[in-house]
Amino acid sequence: MKKHGILPAWLMPLALLALCAYLVLNLVRTQVTISTKRQELAAVKADLSTQLAKNEELSRSLADGEDAIIERIAREQGYAKPNERIFVDYSGK
């Protein structure tokens, strides 16, 4: 009887089949992970878009109201515009 190698002849095809099965399962798992990450990315992009819109609205609101806010705070602290007279009513009525 002639011996062809250290391993039996049926072991090599079985090992190749196991390797192929492992690679296919790994590929499927990777595809599922990629799909999940793409969905997460889409959700994050939607959140980013919403936040950018809110930031733009707040920036416009701040730019529009910034002068009024500064003027109100200055008046509360007793400041006035140049050549402006401030009248204070102490009568309490």
PDB file of N, CA and C in Angstrom:
ATOM      1  N   MET A   1       0.833  -1.161   0.000  1.00  0.00           N
ATOM      2  CA  MET A   1       0.000   0.000   0.000  1.00  0.00           C
ATOM      3  C   MET A   1       0.890   1.241   0.000  1.00  0.00           C
ATOM      4  N   LYS A   2       0.538   2.196  -0.881  1.00  0.00           N
ATOM      5  CA  LYS A   2       1.334   3.394  -1.043  1.00  0.00           C
ATOM      6  C   LYS A   2       0.749   4.527  -0.194  1.00  0.00           C
ATOM      7  N   LYS A   3       1.574   5.159   0.609  1.00  0.00           N
ATOM      8  CA  LYS A   3       1.155   6.255   1.466  1.00  0.00           C
ATOM      9  C   LYS A   3       1.480   7.561   0.737  1.00  0.00           C
ATOM     10  N   HIS A   4       0.482   8.455   0.603  1.00  0.00           N
ATOM     11  CA  HIS A   4       0.665   9.690  -0.155  1.00  0.00           C
ATOM     12  C   HIS A   4       1.051  10.883   0.712  1.00  0.00           C
ATOM     13  N   GLY A   5       0.860  10.832   1.956  1.00  0.00           N
ATOM     14  CA  GLY A   5       1.206  11.960   2.800  1.00  0.00           C
ATOM     15  C   GLY A   5       0.925  11.644   4.256  1.00  0.00           C
ATOM     16  N   ILE A   6       1.087  12.643   5.093  1.00  0.00           N
ATOM     17  CA  ILE A   6       0.889  12.469   6.519  1.00  0.00           C
ATOM     18  C   ILE A   6      -0.607  12.419   6.850  1.00  0.00           C
ATOM     19  N   LEU A   7      -1.410  13.230   6.156  1.00  0.00           N
ATOM     20  CA  LEU A   7      -2.832  13.332   6.438  1.00  0.00           C
ATOM     21  C   LEU A   7      -3.641  12.415   5.535  1.00  0.00           C
ATOM     22  N   PRO A   8      -4.786  11.959   6.028  1.00  0.00           N
ATOM     23  CA  PRO A   8      -5.654  11.138   5.169  1.00  0.00           C
ATOM     24  C   PRO A   8      -6.195  11.978   4.007  1.00  0.00           C
ATOM     25  N   ALA A   9      -6.552  11.375   2.926  1.00  0.00           N
ATOM     26  CA  ALA A   9      -6.987  12.061   1.703  1.00  0.00           C
ATOM     27  C   ALA A   9      -8.303  12.810   1.913  1.00  0.00           C
ATOM     28  N   TRP A  10      -9.161  12.341   2.760  1.00  0.00           N
ATOM     29  CA  TRP A  10     -10.471  12.996   2.978  1.00  0.00           C
ATOM     30  C   TRP A  10     -10.374  14.270   3.832  1.00  0.00           C
ATOM     31  N   LEU A  11      -9.241  14.447   4.532  1.00  0.00           N
ATOM     32  CA  LEU A  11      -9.107  15.576   5.448  1.00  0.00           C
ATOM     33  C   LEU A  11      -8.901  16.907   4.707  1.00  0.00           C
ATOM     34  N   MET A  12      -8.193  16.885   3.602  1.00  0.00           N
ATOM     35  CA  MET A  12      -7.917  18.121   2.859  1.00  0.00           C
ATOM     36  C   MET A  12      -9.203  18.735   2.295  1.00  0.00           C
ATOM     37  N   PRO A  13     -10.082  18.011   1.614  1.00  0.00           N
ATOM     38  CA  PRO A  13     -11.336  18.610   1.134  1.00  0.00           C
ATOM     39  C   PRO A  13     -12.220  19.095   2.300  1.00  0.00           C
ATOM     40  N   LEU A  14     -12.195  18.360   3.398  1.00  0.00           N
ATOM     41  CA  LEU A  14     -12.973  18.780   4.563  1.00  0.00           C
ATOM     42  C   LEU A  14     -12.436  20.092   5.140  1.00  0.00           C
ATOM     43  N   ALA A  15     -11.128  20.232   5.193  1.00  0.00           N
ATOM     44  CA  ALA A  15     -10.513  21.466   5.685  1.00  0.00           C
ATOM     45  C   ALA A  15     -10.834  22.635   4.751  1.00  0.00           C
ATOM     46  N   LEU A  16     -10.782  22.418   3.439  1.00  0.00           N
ATOM     47  CA  LEU A  16     -11.133  23.468   2.477  1.00  0.00           C
ATOM     48  C   LEU A  16     -12.598  23.860   2.599  1.00  0.00           C
ATOM     49  N   LEU A  17     -13.466  22.887   2.810  1.00  0.00           N
ATOM     50  CA  LEU A  17     -14.885  23.166   2.991  1.00  0.00           C
ATOM     51  C   LEU A  17     -15.113  23.987   4.270  1.00  0.00           C
ATOM     52  N   ALA A  18     -14.427  23.645   5.345  1.00  0.00           N
ATOM     53  CA  ALA A  18     -14.558  24.384   6.600  1.00  0.00           C
ATOM     54  C   ALA A  18     -14.034  25.819   6.431  1.00  0.00           C
ATOM     55  N   LEU A  19     -12.920  25.974   5.717  1.00  0.00           N
ATOM     56  CA  LEU A  19     -12.368  27.303   5.467  1.00  0.00           C
ATOM     57  C   LEU A  19     -13.339  28.146   4.641  1.00  0.00           C
ATOM     58  N   CYS A  20     -13.916  27.562   3.606  1.00  0.00           N
ATOM     59  CA  CYS A  20     -14.879  28.284   2.775  1.00  0.00           C
ATOM     60  C   CYS A  20     -16.113  28.685   3.590  1.00  0.00           C
ATOM     61  N   ALA A  21     -16.602  27.782   4.427  1.00  0.00           N
ATOM     62  CA  ALA A  21     -17.763  28.088   5.261  1.00  0.00           C
ATOM     63  C   ALA A  21     -17.435  29.234   6.216  1.00  0.00           C
ATOM     64  N   TYR A  22     -16.266  29.198   6.807  1.00  0.00           N
ATOM     65  CA  TYR A  22     -15.840  30.275   7.713  1.00  0.00           C
ATOM     66  C   TYR A  22     -15.769  31.607   6.975  1.00  0.00           C
ATOM     67  N   LEU A  23     -15.188  31.613   5.785  1.00  0.00           N
ATOM     68  CA  LEU A  23     -15.058  32.846   5.013  1.00  0.00           C
ATOM     69  C   LEU A  23     -16.420  33.392   4.596  1.00  0.00           C
ATOM     70  N   VAL A  24     -17.338  32.526   4.196  1.00  0.00           N
ATOM     71  CA  VAL A  24     -18.679  32.967   3.809  1.00  0.00           C
ATOM     72  C   VAL A  24     -19.401  33.556   5.013  1.00  0.00           C
ATOM     73  N   LEU A  25     -19.348  32.885   6.158  1.00  0.00           N
ATOM     74  CA  LEU A  25     -19.997  33.400   7.368  1.00  0.00           C
ATOM     75  C   LEU A  25     -19.388  34.737   7.780  1.00  0.00           C
ATOM     76  N   ASN A  26     -18.084  34.856   7.689  1.00  0.00           N
ATOM     77  CA  ASN A  26     -17.412  36.101   8.027  1.00  0.00           C
ATOM     78  C   ASN A  26     -17.834  37.215   7.067  1.00  0.00           C
ATOM     79  N   LEU A  27     -17.960  36.904   5.797  1.00  0.00           N
ATOM     80  CA  LEU A  27     -18.403  37.879   4.796  1.00  0.00           C
ATOM     81  C   LEU A  27     -19.828  38.348   5.084  1.00  0.00           C
ATOM     82  N   VAL A  28     -20.719  37.424   5.409  1.00  0.00           N
ATOM     83  CA  VAL A  28     -22.108  37.776   5.715  1.00  0.00           C
ATOM     84  C   VAL A  28     -22.161  38.665   6.951  1.00  0.00           C
ATOM     85  N   ARG A  29     -21.417  38.300   7.989  1.00  0.00           N
ATOM     86  CA  ARG A  29     -21.391  39.097   9.216  1.00  0.00           C
ATOM     87  C   ARG A  29     -20.854  40.501   8.938  1.00  0.00           C
ATOM     88  N   THR A  30     -19.836  40.599   8.109  1.00  0.00           N
ATOM     89  CA  THR A  30     -19.273  41.904   7.755  1.00  0.00           C
ATOM     90  C   THR A  30     -20.279  42.740   6.979  1.00  0.00           C
ATOM     91  N   GLN A  31     -21.029  42.123   6.065  1.00  0.00           N
ATOM     92  CA  GLN A  31     -22.042  42.842   5.297  1.00  0.00           C
ATOM     93  C   GLN A  31     -23.153  43.364   6.205  1.00  0.00           C
ATOM     94  N   VAL A  32     -23.546  42.573   7.186  1.00  0.00           N
ATOM     95  CA  VAL A  32     -24.568  43.013   8.141  1.00  0.00           C
ATOM     96  C   VAL A  32     -24.046  44.190   8.952  1.00  0.00           C
ATOM     97  N   THR A  33     -22.800  44.124   9.388  1.00  0.00           N
ATOM     98  CA  THR A  33     -22.197  45.223  10.142  1.00  0.00           C
ATOM     99  C   THR A  33     -22.137  46.492   9.297  1.00  0.00           C
ATOM    100  N   ILE A  34     -21.744  46.361   8.045  1.00  0.00           N
ATOM    101  CA  ILE A  34     -21.680  47.513   7.139  1.00  0.00           C
ATOM    102  C   ILE A  34     -23.064  48.126   6.964  1.00  0.00           C
ATOM    103  N   SER A  35     -24.068  47.303   6.779  1.00  0.00           N
ATOM    104  CA  SER A  35     -25.437  47.789   6.623  1.00  0.00           C
ATOM    105  C   SER A  35     -25.894  48.538   7.872  1.00  0.00           C
ATOM    106  N   THR A  36     -25.603  47.997   9.034  1.00  0.00           N
ATOM    107  CA  THR A  36     -25.977  48.647  10.291  1.00  0.00           C
ATOM    108  C   THR A  36     -25.265  49.984  10.434  1.00  0.00           C
ATOM    109  N   LYS A  37     -23.990  50.014  10.130  1.00  0.00           N
ATOM    110  CA  LYS A  37     -23.220  51.261  10.237  1.00  0.00           C
ATOM    111  C   LYS A  37     -23.709  52.302   9.239  1.00  0.00           C
ATOM    112  N   ARG A  38     -24.132  51.886   8.066  1.00  0.00           N
ATOM    113  CA  ARG A  38     -24.676  52.830   7.083  1.00  0.00           C
ATOM    114  C   ARG A  38     -25.969  53.452   7.599  1.00  0.00           C
ATOM    115  N   GLN A  39     -26.805  52.638   8.249  1.00  0.00           N
ATOM    116  CA  GLN A  39     -28.038  53.169   8.826  1.00  0.00           C
ATOM    117  C   GLN A  39     -27.724  54.159   9.943  1.00  0.00           C
ATOM    118  N   GLU A  40     -26.742  53.825  10.778  1.00  0.00           N
ATOM    119  CA  GLU A  40     -26.330  54.741  11.843  1.00  0.00           C
ATOM    120  C   GLU A  40     -25.788  56.043  11.259  1.00  0.00           C
ATOM    121  N   LEU A  41     -25.010  55.946  10.198  1.00  0.00           N
ATOM    122  CA  LEU A  41     -24.460  57.129   9.542  1.00  0.00           C
ATOM    123  C   LEU A  41     -25.576  58.012   8.985  1.00  0.00           C
ATOM    124  N   ALA A  42     -26.573  57.396   8.371  1.00  0.00           N
ATOM    125  CA  ALA A  42     -27.698  58.162   7.844  1.00  0.00           C
ATOM    126  C   ALA A  42     -28.434  58.881   8.970  1.00  0.00           C
ATOM    127  N   ALA A  43     -28.608  58.214  10.108  1.00  0.00           N
ATOM    128  CA  ALA A  43     -29.286  58.843  11.250  1.00  0.00           C
ATOM    129  C   ALA A  43     -28.457  60.000  11.796  1.00  0.00           C
ATOM    130  N   VAL A  44     -27.149  59.816  11.880  1.00  0.00           N
ATOM    131  CA  VAL A  44     -26.276  60.883  12.380  1.00  0.00           C
ATOM    132  C   VAL A  44     -26.274  62.062  11.412  1.00  0.00           C
ATOM    133  N   LYS A  45     -26.273  61.796  10.114  1.00  0.00           N
ATOM    134  CA  LYS A  45     -26.320  62.880   9.130  1.00  0.00           C
ATOM    135  C   LYS A  45     -27.628  63.655   9.243  1.00  0.00           C
ATOM    136  N   ALA A  46     -28.733  62.952   9.493  1.00  0.00           N
ATOM    137  CA  ALA A  46     -30.018  63.630   9.669  1.00  0.00           C
ATOM    138  C   ALA A  46     -29.979  64.504  10.919  1.00  0.00           C
ATOM    139  N   ASP A  47     -29.420  63.969  12.009  1.00  0.00           N
ATOM    140  CA  ASP A  47     -29.282  64.764  13.233  1.00  0.00           C
ATOM    141  C   ASP A  47     -28.397  65.982  13.003  1.00  0.00           C
ATOM    142  N   LEU A  48     -27.324  65.798  12.265  1.00  0.00           N
ATOM    143  CA  LEU A  48     -26.415  66.902  11.964  1.00  0.00           C
ATOM    144  C   LEU A  48     -27.139  67.989  11.175  1.00  0.00           C
ATOM    145  N   SER A  49     -27.903  67.579  10.197  1.00  0.00           N
ATOM    146  CA  SER A  49     -28.653  68.536   9.387  1.00  0.00           C
ATOM    147  C   SER A  49     -29.635  69.328  10.252  1.00  0.00           C
ATOM    148  N   THR A  50     -30.308  68.629  11.155  1.00  0.00           N
ATOM    149  CA  THR A  50     -31.249  69.300  12.063  1.00  0.00           C
ATOM    150  C   THR A  50     -30.523  70.283  12.969  1.00  0.00           C
ATOM    151  N   GLN A  51     -29.397  69.869  13.521  1.00  0.00           N
ATOM    152  CA  GLN A  51     -28.638  70.738  14.415  1.00  0.00           C
ATOM    153  C   GLN A  51     -28.073  71.952  13.675  1.00  0.00           C
ATOM    154  N   LEU A  52     -27.613  71.755  12.447  1.00  0.00           N
ATOM    155  CA  LEU A  52     -27.108  72.883  11.664  1.00  0.00           C
ATOM    156  C   LEU A  52     -28.212  73.898  11.385  1.00  0.00           C
ATOM    157  N   ALA A  53     -29.423  73.400  11.105  1.00  0.00           N
ATOM    158  CA  ALA A  53     -30.548  74.303  10.873  1.00  0.00           C
ATOM    159  C   ALA A  53     -30.879  75.076  12.150  1.00  0.00           C
ATOM    160  N   LYS A  54     -30.862  74.391  13.294  1.00  0.00           N
ATOM    161  CA  LYS A  54     -31.127  75.067  14.572  1.00  0.00           C
ATOM    162  C   LYS A  54     -30.047  76.107  14.859  1.00  0.00           C
ATOM    163  N   ASN A  55     -28.793  75.759  14.607  1.00  0.00           N
ATOM    164  CA  ASN A  55     -27.692  76.698  14.827  1.00  0.00           C
ATOM    165  C   ASN A  55     -27.838  77.939  13.947  1.00  0.00           C
ATOM    166  N   GLU A  56     -28.221  77.725  12.707  1.00  0.00           N
ATOM    167  CA  GLU A  56     -28.412  78.856  11.788  1.00  0.00           C
ATOM    168  C   GLU A  56     -29.536  79.756  12.279  1.00  0.00           C
ATOM    169  N   GLU A  57     -30.623  79.148  12.729  1.00  0.00           N
ATOM    170  CA  GLU A  57     -31.751  79.926  13.253  1.00  0.00           C
ATOM    171  C   GLU A  57     -31.341  80.709  14.503  1.00  0.00           C
ATOM    172  N   LEU A  58     -30.597  80.061  15.392  1.00  0.00           N
ATOM    173  CA  LEU A  58     -30.142  80.744  16.600  1.00  0.00           C
ATOM    174  C   LEU A  58     -29.159  81.865  16.262  1.00  0.00           C
ATOM    175  N   SER A  59     -28.297  81.655  15.294  1.00  0.00           N
ATOM    176  CA  SER A  59     -27.345  82.692  14.889  1.00  0.00           C
ATOM    177  C   SER A  59     -28.079  83.911  14.339  1.00  0.00           C
ATOM    178  N   ARG A  60     -29.080  83.662  13.491  1.00  0.00           N
ATOM    179  CA  ARG A  60     -29.874  84.773  12.957  1.00  0.00           C
ATOM    180  C   ARG A  60     -30.608  85.492  14.077  1.00  0.00           C
ATOM    181  N   SER A  61     -31.176  84.723  14.969  1.00  0.00           N
ATOM    182  CA  SER A  61     -31.907  85.305  16.096  1.00  0.00           C
ATOM    183  C   SER A  61     -30.979  86.132  16.973  1.00  0.00           C
ATOM    184  N   LEU A  62     -29.787  85.626  17.210  1.00  0.00           N
ATOM    185  CA  LEU A  62     -28.810  86.342  18.022  1.00  0.00           C
ATOM    186  C   LEU A  62     -28.354  87.613  17.318  1.00  0.00           C
ATOM    187  N   ALA A  63     -28.094  87.525  16.027  1.00  0.00           N
ATOM    188  CA  ALA A  63     -27.653  88.708  15.273  1.00  0.00           C
ATOM    189  C   ALA A  63     -28.748  89.770  15.253  1.00  0.00           C
ATOM    190  N   ASP A  64     -29.997  89.339  15.124  1.00  0.00           N
ATOM    191  CA  ASP A  64     -31.113  90.295  15.097  1.00  0.00           C
ATOM    192  C   ASP A  64     -31.325  90.937  16.462  1.00  0.00           C
ATOM    193  N   GLY A  65     -31.204  90.166  17.517  1.00  0.00           N
ATOM    194  CA  GLY A  65     -31.514  90.672  18.839  1.00  0.00           C
ATOM    195  C   GLY A  65     -30.321  91.106  19.653  1.00  0.00           C
ATOM    196  N   GLU A  66     -29.129  90.951  19.112  1.00  0.00           N
ATOM    197  CA  GLU A  66     -27.917  91.253  19.873  1.00  0.00           C
ATOM    198  C   GLU A  66     -27.849  92.730  20.259  1.00  0.00           C
ATOM    199  N   ASP A  67     -28.142  93.606  19.317  1.00  0.00           N
ATOM    200  CA  ASP A  67     -28.087  95.042  19.612  1.00  0.00           C
ATOM    201  C   ASP A  67     -29.111  95.422  20.669  1.00  0.00           C
ATOM    202  N   ALA A  68     -30.306  94.868  20.570  1.00  0.00           N
ATOM    203  CA  ALA A  68     -31.352  95.182  21.540  1.00  0.00           C
ATOM    204  C   ALA A  68     -30.971  94.673  22.926  1.00  0.00           C
ATOM    205  N   ILE A  69     -30.370  93.508  22.991  1.00  0.00           N
ATOM    206  CA  ILE A  69     -29.956  92.939  24.279  1.00  0.00           C
ATOM    207  C   ILE A  69     -28.858  93.797  24.906  1.00  0.00           C
ATOM    208  N   ILE A  70     -27.890  94.170  24.097  1.00  0.00           N
ATOM    209  CA  ILE A  70     -26.780  94.997  24.600  1.00  0.00           C
ATOM    210  C   ILE A  70     -27.319  96.338  25.086  1.00  0.00           C
ATOM    211  N   GLU A  71     -28.244  96.937  24.323  1.00  0.00           N
ATOM    212  CA  GLU A  71     -28.809  98.220  24.719  1.00  0.00           C
ATOM    213  C   GLU A  71     -29.597  98.099  26.024  1.00  0.00           C
ATOM    214  N   ARG A  72     -30.376  97.032  26.169  1.00  0.00           N
ATOM    215  CA  ARG A  72     -31.150  96.833  27.389  1.00  0.00           C
ATOM    216  C   ARG A  72     -30.244  96.676  28.600  1.00  0.00           C
ATOM    217  N   ILE A  73     -29.199  95.895  28.470  1.00  0.00           N
ATOM    218  CA  ILE A  73     -28.258  95.687  29.582  1.00  0.00           C
ATOM    219  C   ILE A  73     -27.557  96.997  29.931  1.00  0.00           C
ATOM    220  N   ALA A  74     -27.162  97.746  28.914  1.00  0.00           N
ATOM    221  CA  ALA A  74     -26.492  99.033  29.160  1.00  0.00           C
ATOM    222  C   ALA A  74     -27.431  99.989  29.872  1.00  0.00           C
ATOM    223  N   ARG A  75     -28.677 100.041  29.472  1.00  0.00           N
ATOM    224  CA  ARG A  75     -29.644 100.932  30.129  1.00  0.00           C
ATOM    225  C   ARG A  75     -29.888 100.496  31.571  1.00  0.00           C
ATOM    226  N   GLU A  76     -29.931  99.195  31.807  1.00  0.00           N
ATOM    227  CA  GLU A  76     -30.130  98.704  33.171  1.00  0.00           C
ATOM    228  C   GLU A  76     -28.959  99.103  34.077  1.00  0.00           C
ATOM    229  N   GLN A  77     -27.794  99.242  33.494  1.00  0.00           N
ATOM    230  CA  GLN A  77     -26.615  99.619  34.271  1.00  0.00           C
ATOM    231  C   GLN A  77     -26.429 101.140  34.325  1.00  0.00           C
ATOM    232  N   GLY A  78     -27.365 101.894  33.748  1.00  0.00           N
ATOM    233  CA  GLY A  78     -27.329 103.339  33.849  1.00  0.00           C
ATOM    234  C   GLY A  78     -26.629 104.049  32.708  1.00  0.00           C
ATOM    235  N   TYR A  79     -26.262 103.355  31.674  1.00  0.00           N
ATOM    236  CA  TYR A  79     -25.610 104.001  30.530  1.00  0.00           C
ATOM    237  C   TYR A  79     -26.654 104.621  29.613  1.00  0.00           C
ATOM    238  N   ALA A  80     -26.230 105.616  28.848  1.00  0.00           N
ATOM    239  CA  ALA A  80     -27.116 106.278  27.899  1.00  0.00           C
ATOM    240  C   ALA A  80     -26.364 106.516  26.597  1.00  0.00           C
ATOM    241  N   LYS A  81     -27.131 106.801  25.553  1.00  0.00           N
ATOM    242  CA  LYS A  81     -26.532 107.138  24.268  1.00  0.00           C
ATOM    243  C   LYS A  81     -25.970 108.554  24.362  1.00  0.00           C
ATOM    244  N   PRO A  82     -25.043 108.927  23.499  1.00  0.00           N
ATOM    245  CA  PRO A  82     -24.508 110.291  23.519  1.00  0.00           C
ATOM    246  C   PRO A  82     -25.629 111.317  23.328  1.00  0.00           C
ATOM    247  N   ASN A  83     -25.577 112.416  24.105  1.00  0.00           N
ATOM    248  CA  ASN A  83     -26.556 113.506  24.051  1.00  0.00           C
ATOM    249  C   ASN A  83     -27.970 113.043  24.397  1.00  0.00           C
ATOM    250  N   GLU A  84     -28.098 111.974  25.146  1.00  0.00           N
ATOM    251  CA  GLU A  84     -29.412 111.480  25.549  1.00  0.00           C
ATOM    252  C   GLU A  84     -29.636 111.813  27.021  1.00  0.00           C
ATOM    253  N   ARG A  85     -30.831 112.247  27.338  1.00  0.00           N
ATOM    254  CA  ARG A  85     -31.166 112.535  28.728  1.00  0.00           C
ATOM    255  C   ARG A  85     -31.985 111.379  29.280  1.00  0.00           C
ATOM    256  N   ILE A  86     -31.642 110.968  30.479  1.00  0.00           N
ATOM    257  CA  ILE A  86     -32.381 109.903  31.141  1.00  0.00           C
ATOM    258  C   ILE A  86     -33.168 110.533  32.282  1.00  0.00           C
ATOM    259  N   PHE A  87     -34.467 110.289  32.291  1.00  0.00           N
ATOM    260  CA  PHE A  87     -35.331 110.780  33.357  1.00  0.00           C
ATOM    261  C   PHE A  87     -35.725 109.594  34.220  1.00  0.00           C
ATOM    262  N   VAL A  88     -35.566 109.743  35.515  1.00  0.00           N
ATOM    263  CA  VAL A  88     -35.912 108.690  36.455  1.00  0.00           C
ATOM    264  C   VAL A  88     -37.091 109.160  37.287  1.00  0.00           C
ATOM    265  N   ASP A  89     -38.108 108.363  37.345  1.00  0.00           N
ATOM    266  CA  ASP A  89     -39.309 108.698  38.115  1.00  0.00           C
ATOM    267  C   ASP A  89     -39.148 108.078  39.507  1.00  0.00           C
ATOM    268  N   TYR A  90     -38.950 108.929  40.503  1.00  0.00           N
ATOM    269  CA  TYR A  90     -38.797 108.458  41.877  1.00  0.00           C
ATOM    270  C   TYR A  90     -40.103 108.533  42.658  1.00  0.00           C
ATOM    271  N   SER A  91     -41.165 108.934  42.008  1.00  0.00           N
ATOM    272  CA  SER A  91     -42.413 109.125  42.729  1.00  0.00           C
ATOM    273  C   SER A  91     -43.035 107.785  43.135  1.00  0.00           C
ATOM    274  N   GLY A  92     -42.713 106.709  42.425  1.00  0.00           N
ATOM    275  CA  GLY A  92     -43.235 105.398  42.780  1.00  0.00           C
ATOM    276  C   GLY A  92     -44.644 105.148  42.277  1.00  0.00           C
ATOM    277  N   LYS A  93     -45.185 106.035  41.496  1.00  0.00           N
ATOM    278  CA  LYS A  93     -46.549 105.860  40.968  1.00  0.00           C
ATOM    279  C   LYS A  93     -46.551 105.121  39.685  1.00  0.00           C
TER     280      LYS A  93
END
